[in-house]
Amino acid sequence: MSAATSLTEQNRAVVLGMFEAASRSDVEGVFSFLSDDVTVIEPQFMPFGKVYHGKEGFLELAQHLPNYFTLSSITVHYTLADGDRVAACVSMADITGEPTRFIEQFTVKDGKIIENRMFYNNAGSLVNQPKVV
């Protein structure tokens, strides 16, 4: 990125880079965009819903997700960014093939994601799944 790139655009690039690495199942690549003390907040109504702390927590969540989603189907429809906040409108097929759409809100500091909070518009069949955490 050039020095002239705004902080907002730098932070958007961090989030898009993380999604690109995730779509390739590149765990090391994903981790390169996360702070060591990242916090991921999944809503309690999801089977894997809880607050995850650190890269270890992120990995714990990532190990649950293939039980519910076809990870290769992840699509980022658009992003909105303002300063240290980036929101991404994302969809992914659940394991039944039903589309699940959600917003991921990120906070980025010093080029690393420090928080990721999920907002589900349509959690589909996932809401009825038993809790795993």
N, C-alpha and C. Protein backbone atom coordinates (compact mmCIF):
# COMPACT_ATOMS: atom_id res chain seq x y z
N MET A 1 0.83 -1.19 0.00
CA MET A 1 0.00 0.00 0.00
C MET A 1 0.87 1.25 0.00
N SER A 2 0.44 2.24 -0.70
CA SER A 2 1.21 3.48 -0.75
C SER A 2 0.98 4.28 0.53
N ALA A 3 1.90 5.17 0.81
CA ALA A 3 1.77 6.02 1.99
C ALA A 3 0.54 6.91 1.89
N ALA A 4 0.10 7.17 0.65
CA ALA A 4 -1.05 8.04 0.45
C ALA A 4 -2.38 7.32 0.69
N THR A 5 -2.34 5.99 0.84
CA THR A 5 -3.57 5.25 1.09
C THR A 5 -4.10 5.61 2.46
N SER A 6 -5.39 5.93 2.52
CA SER A 6 -5.98 6.35 3.79
C SER A 6 -6.02 5.18 4.78
N LEU A 7 -6.09 5.52 6.05
CA LEU A 7 -6.21 4.51 7.10
C LEU A 7 -7.45 3.66 6.86
N THR A 8 -8.54 4.29 6.45
CA THR A 8 -9.76 3.55 6.16
C THR A 8 -9.51 2.49 5.09
N GLU A 9 -8.86 2.86 4.01
CA GLU A 9 -8.60 1.91 2.92
C GLU A 9 -7.58 0.85 3.33
N GLN A 10 -6.61 1.21 4.15
CA GLN A 10 -5.66 0.22 4.66
C GLN A 10 -6.39 -0.82 5.49
N ASN A 11 -7.31 -0.37 6.34
CA ASN A 11 -8.05 -1.29 7.20
C ASN A 11 -9.00 -2.17 6.38
N ARG A 12 -9.61 -1.60 5.35
CA ARG A 12 -10.45 -2.41 4.45
C ARG A 12 -9.60 -3.51 3.80
N ALA A 13 -8.39 -3.17 3.38
CA ALA A 13 -7.50 -4.14 2.74
C ALA A 13 -7.12 -5.26 3.72
N VAL A 14 -6.94 -4.94 4.99
CA VAL A 14 -6.65 -5.96 6.00
C VAL A 14 -7.79 -6.97 6.06
N VAL A 15 -9.01 -6.47 6.16
CA VAL A 15 -10.18 -7.36 6.26
C VAL A 15 -10.34 -8.19 4.99
N LEU A 16 -10.22 -7.57 3.83
CA LEU A 16 -10.35 -8.32 2.58
C LEU A 16 -9.23 -9.34 2.43
N GLY A 17 -8.03 -9.01 2.89
CA GLY A 17 -6.92 -9.96 2.87
C GLY A 17 -7.20 -11.17 3.75
N MET A 18 -7.81 -10.91 4.91
CA MET A 18 -8.16 -12.01 5.81
C MET A 18 -9.18 -12.94 5.14
N PHE A 19 -10.20 -12.35 4.50
CA PHE A 19 -11.20 -13.17 3.81
C PHE A 19 -10.57 -13.96 2.65
N GLU A 20 -9.66 -13.34 1.93
CA GLU A 20 -9.00 -14.03 0.82
C GLU A 20 -8.24 -15.25 1.34
N ALA A 21 -7.50 -15.06 2.43
CA ALA A 21 -6.77 -16.19 3.02
C ALA A 21 -7.74 -17.26 3.52
N ALA A 22 -8.84 -16.85 4.13
CA ALA A 22 -9.83 -17.81 4.64
C ALA A 22 -10.44 -18.62 3.49
N SER A 23 -10.70 -17.97 2.37
CA SER A 23 -11.30 -18.68 1.23
C SER A 23 -10.36 -19.74 0.67
N ARG A 24 -9.07 -19.60 0.92
CA ARG A 24 -8.07 -20.59 0.48
C ARG A 24 -7.75 -21.60 1.59
N SER A 25 -8.45 -21.48 2.74
CA SER A 25 -8.17 -22.32 3.91
C SER A 25 -6.74 -22.15 4.39
N ASP A 26 -6.22 -20.95 4.26
CA ASP A 26 -4.85 -20.61 4.64
C ASP A 26 -4.84 -20.06 6.07
N VAL A 27 -4.72 -20.96 7.03
CA VAL A 27 -4.79 -20.56 8.44
C VAL A 27 -3.67 -19.59 8.80
N GLU A 28 -2.45 -19.87 8.34
CA GLU A 28 -1.33 -18.97 8.61
C GLU A 28 -1.61 -17.58 8.03
N GLY A 29 -2.16 -17.56 6.82
CA GLY A 29 -2.51 -16.29 6.20
C GLY A 29 -3.55 -15.53 6.99
N VAL A 30 -4.59 -16.23 7.45
CA VAL A 30 -5.62 -15.59 8.28
C VAL A 30 -4.97 -15.03 9.55
N PHE A 31 -4.15 -15.84 10.21
CA PHE A 31 -3.52 -15.41 11.46
C PHE A 31 -2.65 -14.18 11.26
N SER A 32 -2.09 -14.00 10.07
CA SER A 32 -1.23 -12.85 9.83
C SER A 32 -2.00 -11.53 9.89
N PHE A 33 -3.33 -11.59 9.78
CA PHE A 33 -4.16 -10.39 9.84
C PHE A 33 -4.78 -10.17 11.23
N LEU A 34 -4.55 -11.10 12.15
CA LEU A 34 -5.16 -11.03 13.49
C LEU A 34 -4.15 -10.58 14.53
N SER A 35 -4.61 -9.76 15.47
CA SER A 35 -3.75 -9.45 16.62
C SER A 35 -3.67 -10.69 17.50
N ASP A 36 -2.64 -10.77 18.31
CA ASP A 36 -2.49 -11.92 19.19
C ASP A 36 -3.65 -12.03 20.18
N ASP A 37 -4.24 -10.90 20.54
CA ASP A 37 -5.33 -10.90 21.51
C ASP A 37 -6.68 -10.58 20.87
N VAL A 38 -6.88 -11.01 19.63
CA VAL A 38 -8.14 -10.79 18.91
C VAL A 38 -9.31 -11.35 19.72
N THR A 39 -10.44 -10.68 19.63
CA THR A 39 -11.68 -11.15 20.24
C THR A 39 -12.70 -11.36 19.13
N VAL A 40 -13.31 -12.55 19.10
CA VAL A 40 -14.36 -12.85 18.13
C VAL A 40 -15.63 -13.12 18.91
N ILE A 41 -16.69 -12.40 18.55
CA ILE A 41 -17.95 -12.49 19.28
C ILE A 41 -19.02 -13.09 18.36
N GLU A 42 -19.38 -14.33 18.66
CA GLU A 42 -20.46 -15.02 17.94
C GLU A 42 -21.70 -14.97 18.83
N PRO A 43 -22.88 -14.70 18.25
CA PRO A 43 -24.09 -14.60 19.07
C PRO A 43 -24.43 -15.92 19.77
N GLN A 44 -24.97 -15.79 20.97
CA GLN A 44 -25.27 -16.96 21.80
C GLN A 44 -26.27 -17.91 21.17
N PHE A 45 -27.13 -17.43 20.25
CA PHE A 45 -28.13 -18.33 19.66
C PHE A 45 -27.54 -19.28 18.63
N MET A 46 -26.29 -19.05 18.22
CA MET A 46 -25.64 -19.96 17.28
C MET A 46 -25.08 -21.17 18.05
N PRO A 47 -24.99 -22.33 17.40
CA PRO A 47 -24.49 -23.51 18.11
C PRO A 47 -23.06 -23.33 18.64
N PHE A 48 -22.29 -22.48 17.99
CA PHE A 48 -20.91 -22.20 18.38
C PHE A 48 -20.80 -20.80 19.00
N GLY A 49 -21.94 -20.26 19.45
CA GLY A 49 -21.98 -18.89 19.94
C GLY A 49 -21.34 -18.70 21.30
N LYS A 50 -20.35 -17.84 21.35
CA LYS A 50 -19.69 -17.41 22.58
C LYS A 50 -18.63 -16.39 22.19
N VAL A 51 -17.91 -15.89 23.16
CA VAL A 51 -16.81 -14.97 22.90
C VAL A 51 -15.52 -15.79 22.89
N TYR A 52 -14.76 -15.64 21.81
CA TYR A 52 -13.49 -16.35 21.65
C TYR A 52 -12.36 -15.34 21.81
N HIS A 53 -11.32 -15.73 22.55
CA HIS A 53 -10.21 -14.82 22.83
C HIS A 53 -8.90 -15.35 22.25
N GLY A 54 -8.16 -14.46 21.61
CA GLY A 54 -6.84 -14.79 21.10
C GLY A 54 -6.89 -15.67 19.86
N LYS A 55 -5.72 -15.90 19.31
CA LYS A 55 -5.63 -16.75 18.13
C LYS A 55 -6.03 -18.18 18.44
N GLU A 56 -5.80 -18.62 19.68
CA GLU A 56 -6.22 -19.96 20.08
C GLU A 56 -7.74 -20.05 20.05
N GLY A 57 -8.41 -19.03 20.53
CA GLY A 57 -9.87 -19.00 20.48
C GLY A 57 -10.39 -18.96 19.06
N PHE A 58 -9.72 -18.17 18.21
CA PHE A 58 -10.10 -18.11 16.80
C PHE A 58 -9.98 -19.48 16.17
N LEU A 59 -8.91 -20.19 16.48
CA LEU A 59 -8.71 -21.53 15.94
C LEU A 59 -9.79 -22.48 16.45
N GLU A 60 -10.17 -22.35 17.72
CA GLU A 60 -11.26 -23.18 18.26
C GLU A 60 -12.54 -22.96 17.44
N LEU A 61 -12.88 -21.71 17.20
CA LEU A 61 -14.07 -21.40 16.39
C LEU A 61 -13.91 -21.99 14.98
N ALA A 62 -12.76 -21.79 14.37
CA ALA A 62 -12.52 -22.27 13.02
C ALA A 62 -12.68 -23.79 12.91
N GLN A 63 -12.39 -24.49 13.98
CA GLN A 63 -12.53 -25.95 13.97
C GLN A 63 -14.00 -26.38 14.01
N HIS A 64 -14.88 -25.54 14.56
CA HIS A 64 -16.32 -25.83 14.60
C HIS A 64 -17.00 -25.52 13.27
N LEU A 65 -16.56 -24.49 12.58
CA LEU A 65 -17.29 -23.97 11.42
C LEU A 65 -17.53 -24.99 10.30
N PRO A 66 -16.58 -25.87 9.95
CA PRO A 66 -16.85 -26.82 8.87
C PRO A 66 -18.01 -27.79 9.18
N ASN A 67 -18.38 -27.90 10.45
CA ASN A 67 -19.52 -28.74 10.81
C ASN A 67 -20.85 -28.08 10.44
N TYR A 68 -20.80 -26.79 10.10
CA TYR A 68 -22.02 -26.02 9.85
C TYR A 68 -22.04 -25.32 8.50
N PHE A 69 -20.88 -24.99 7.97
CA PHE A 69 -20.78 -24.21 6.74
C PHE A 69 -19.91 -24.90 5.70
N THR A 70 -20.18 -24.62 4.45
CA THR A 70 -19.29 -24.96 3.35
C THR A 70 -18.36 -23.76 3.19
N LEU A 71 -17.21 -23.83 3.82
CA LEU A 71 -16.32 -22.67 3.92
C LEU A 71 -15.87 -22.16 2.56
N SER A 72 -15.75 -23.04 1.59
CA SER A 72 -15.32 -22.60 0.26
C SER A 72 -16.37 -21.73 -0.44
N SER A 73 -17.59 -21.70 0.11
CA SER A 73 -18.66 -20.91 -0.51
C SER A 73 -18.70 -19.47 -0.01
N ILE A 74 -17.76 -19.08 0.85
CA ILE A 74 -17.80 -17.74 1.42
C ILE A 74 -17.71 -16.67 0.32
N THR A 75 -18.61 -15.71 0.41
CA THR A 75 -18.65 -14.61 -0.55
C THR A 75 -18.76 -13.30 0.21
N VAL A 76 -17.86 -12.37 -0.07
CA VAL A 76 -17.96 -11.02 0.48
C VAL A 76 -18.68 -10.19 -0.57
N HIS A 77 -19.89 -9.74 -0.25
CA HIS A 77 -20.70 -8.98 -1.20
C HIS A 77 -20.24 -7.52 -1.28
N TYR A 78 -19.93 -6.94 -0.13
CA TYR A 78 -19.42 -5.57 -0.10
C TYR A 78 -18.87 -5.27 1.29
N THR A 79 -18.10 -4.20 1.37
CA THR A 79 -17.59 -3.73 2.66
C THR A 79 -17.93 -2.26 2.82
N LEU A 80 -18.05 -1.85 4.06
CA LEU A 80 -18.18 -0.45 4.45
C LEU A 80 -17.07 -0.19 5.44
N ALA A 81 -16.37 0.90 5.28
CA ALA A 81 -15.25 1.18 6.17
C ALA A 81 -15.23 2.65 6.56
N ASP A 82 -14.84 2.88 7.81
CA ASP A 82 -14.69 4.24 8.33
C ASP A 82 -13.65 4.19 9.44
N GLY A 83 -12.47 4.70 9.16
CA GLY A 83 -11.40 4.70 10.17
C GLY A 83 -11.01 3.29 10.54
N ASP A 84 -11.11 2.98 11.84
CA ASP A 84 -10.68 1.67 12.32
C ASP A 84 -11.77 0.60 12.24
N ARG A 85 -12.95 0.95 11.74
CA ARG A 85 -14.08 0.00 11.64
C ARG A 85 -14.31 -0.41 10.19
N VAL A 86 -14.50 -1.70 10.00
CA VAL A 86 -14.83 -2.24 8.69
C VAL A 86 -15.96 -3.24 8.89
N ALA A 87 -17.01 -3.12 8.09
CA ALA A 87 -18.11 -4.08 8.10
C ALA A 87 -18.14 -4.77 6.75
N ALA A 88 -18.34 -6.07 6.78
CA ALA A 88 -18.42 -6.86 5.55
C ALA A 88 -19.74 -7.60 5.52
N CYS A 89 -20.46 -7.47 4.40
CA CYS A 89 -21.68 -8.25 4.17
C CYS A 89 -21.23 -9.54 3.51
N VAL A 90 -21.48 -10.66 4.18
CA VAL A 90 -20.93 -11.95 3.79
C VAL A 90 -22.05 -12.98 3.67
N SER A 91 -21.88 -13.93 2.77
CA SER A 91 -22.77 -15.07 2.75
C SER A 91 -21.95 -16.34 2.60
N MET A 92 -22.55 -17.43 3.08
CA MET A 92 -21.91 -18.73 3.01
C MET A 92 -23.04 -19.76 3.06
N ALA A 93 -22.90 -20.85 2.36
CA ALA A 93 -23.89 -21.91 2.42
C ALA A 93 -23.68 -22.73 3.68
N ASP A 94 -24.81 -23.06 4.36
CA ASP A 94 -24.67 -23.99 5.47
C ASP A 94 -24.54 -25.40 4.87
N ILE A 95 -24.36 -26.40 5.71
CA ILE A 95 -24.08 -27.74 5.19
C ILE A 95 -25.27 -28.36 4.48
N THR A 96 -26.46 -27.78 4.62
CA THR A 96 -27.63 -28.26 3.87
C THR A 96 -27.73 -27.56 2.52
N GLY A 97 -26.84 -26.57 2.27
CA GLY A 97 -26.88 -25.80 1.04
C GLY A 97 -27.67 -24.51 1.16
N GLU A 98 -28.31 -24.30 2.32
CA GLU A 98 -29.10 -23.09 2.53
C GLU A 98 -28.16 -21.89 2.74
N PRO A 99 -28.43 -20.79 2.04
CA PRO A 99 -27.55 -19.62 2.22
C PRO A 99 -27.75 -18.96 3.58
N THR A 100 -26.66 -18.57 4.17
CA THR A 100 -26.67 -17.84 5.43
C THR A 100 -25.98 -16.51 5.17
N ARG A 101 -26.66 -15.43 5.54
CA ARG A 101 -26.11 -14.10 5.28
C ARG A 101 -25.86 -13.41 6.62
N PHE A 102 -24.74 -12.69 6.71
CA PHE A 102 -24.40 -12.02 7.96
C PHE A 102 -23.48 -10.84 7.70
N ILE A 103 -23.41 -10.00 8.70
CA ILE A 103 -22.48 -8.87 8.70
C ILE A 103 -21.40 -9.18 9.72
N GLU A 104 -20.17 -8.99 9.32
CA GLU A 104 -19.05 -9.09 10.25
C GLU A 104 -18.52 -7.69 10.46
N GLN A 105 -18.49 -7.26 11.71
CA GLN A 105 -17.95 -5.94 12.04
C GLN A 105 -16.57 -6.13 12.65
N PHE A 106 -15.59 -5.48 12.05
CA PHE A 106 -14.20 -5.61 12.48
C PHE A 106 -13.71 -4.28 13.05
N THR A 107 -12.84 -4.37 14.04
CA THR A 107 -12.05 -3.23 14.49
C THR A 107 -10.60 -3.57 14.19
N VAL A 108 -9.93 -2.66 13.51
CA VAL A 108 -8.54 -2.88 13.09
C VAL A 108 -7.66 -1.83 13.76
N LYS A 109 -6.56 -2.29 14.33
CA LYS A 109 -5.60 -1.37 14.97
C LYS A 109 -4.20 -1.79 14.55
N ASP A 110 -3.42 -0.82 14.10
CA ASP A 110 -2.04 -1.06 13.68
C ASP A 110 -1.94 -2.21 12.67
N GLY A 111 -2.90 -2.27 11.75
CA GLY A 111 -2.86 -3.26 10.68
C GLY A 111 -3.28 -4.66 11.07
N LYS A 112 -3.85 -4.83 12.26
CA LYS A 112 -4.29 -6.15 12.72
C LYS A 112 -5.74 -6.06 13.21
N ILE A 113 -6.50 -7.12 12.98
CA ILE A 113 -7.87 -7.20 13.46
C ILE A 113 -7.83 -7.48 14.96
N ILE A 114 -8.45 -6.59 15.74
CA ILE A 114 -8.48 -6.78 17.19
C ILE A 114 -9.85 -7.26 17.68
N GLU A 115 -10.90 -7.04 16.86
CA GLU A 115 -12.23 -7.53 17.23
C GLU A 115 -13.01 -7.87 15.98
N ASN A 116 -13.80 -8.93 16.08
CA ASN A 116 -14.67 -9.39 15.00
C ASN A 116 -15.99 -9.77 15.65
N ARG A 117 -17.06 -9.04 15.31
CA ARG A 117 -18.39 -9.28 15.88
C ARG A 117 -19.35 -9.65 14.75
N MET A 118 -20.11 -10.73 14.95
CA MET A 118 -21.02 -11.23 13.93
C MET A 118 -22.45 -10.78 14.20
N PHE A 119 -23.14 -10.46 13.08
CA PHE A 119 -24.56 -10.12 13.11
C PHE A 119 -25.22 -10.93 12.00
N TYR A 120 -26.07 -11.88 12.38
CA TYR A 120 -26.70 -12.75 11.40
C TYR A 120 -28.06 -12.21 10.99
N ASN A 121 -28.28 -12.09 9.68
CA ASN A 121 -29.58 -11.72 9.16
C ASN A 121 -30.45 -12.96 9.00
N ASN A 122 -29.85 -14.02 8.51
CA ASN A 122 -30.57 -15.26 8.26
C ASN A 122 -29.66 -16.40 8.69
N ALA A 123 -29.90 -16.93 9.88
CA ALA A 123 -29.07 -18.03 10.36
C ALA A 123 -29.65 -19.37 9.95
N GLY A 124 -30.81 -19.35 9.30
CA GLY A 124 -31.39 -20.57 8.74
C GLY A 124 -31.47 -21.72 9.72
N SER A 125 -31.11 -22.89 9.25
CA SER A 125 -31.22 -24.12 10.05
C SER A 125 -30.22 -24.16 11.19
N LEU A 126 -29.22 -23.28 11.18
CA LEU A 126 -28.20 -23.32 12.23
C LEU A 126 -28.77 -23.01 13.61
N VAL A 127 -29.82 -22.21 13.66
CA VAL A 127 -30.41 -21.81 14.95
C VAL A 127 -30.93 -23.04 15.70
N ASN A 128 -31.35 -24.06 14.97
CA ASN A 128 -31.94 -25.26 15.59
C ASN A 128 -30.91 -26.33 15.94
N GLN A 129 -29.64 -26.07 15.66
CA GLN A 129 -28.60 -27.04 15.94
C GLN A 129 -28.24 -27.03 17.44
N PRO A 130 -27.85 -28.17 17.99
CA PRO A 130 -27.45 -28.19 19.40
C PRO A 130 -26.17 -27.39 19.63
N LYS A 131 -26.06 -26.81 20.82
CA LYS A 131 -24.86 -26.05 21.19
C LYS A 131 -23.66 -26.99 21.28
N VAL A 132 -22.51 -26.51 20.82
CA VAL A 132 -21.28 -27.29 20.89
C VAL A 132 -20.25 -26.64 21.81
N VAL A 133 -20.55 -25.44 22.26
CA VAL A 133 -19.61 -24.74 23.16
C VAL A 133 -20.33 -24.30 24.40
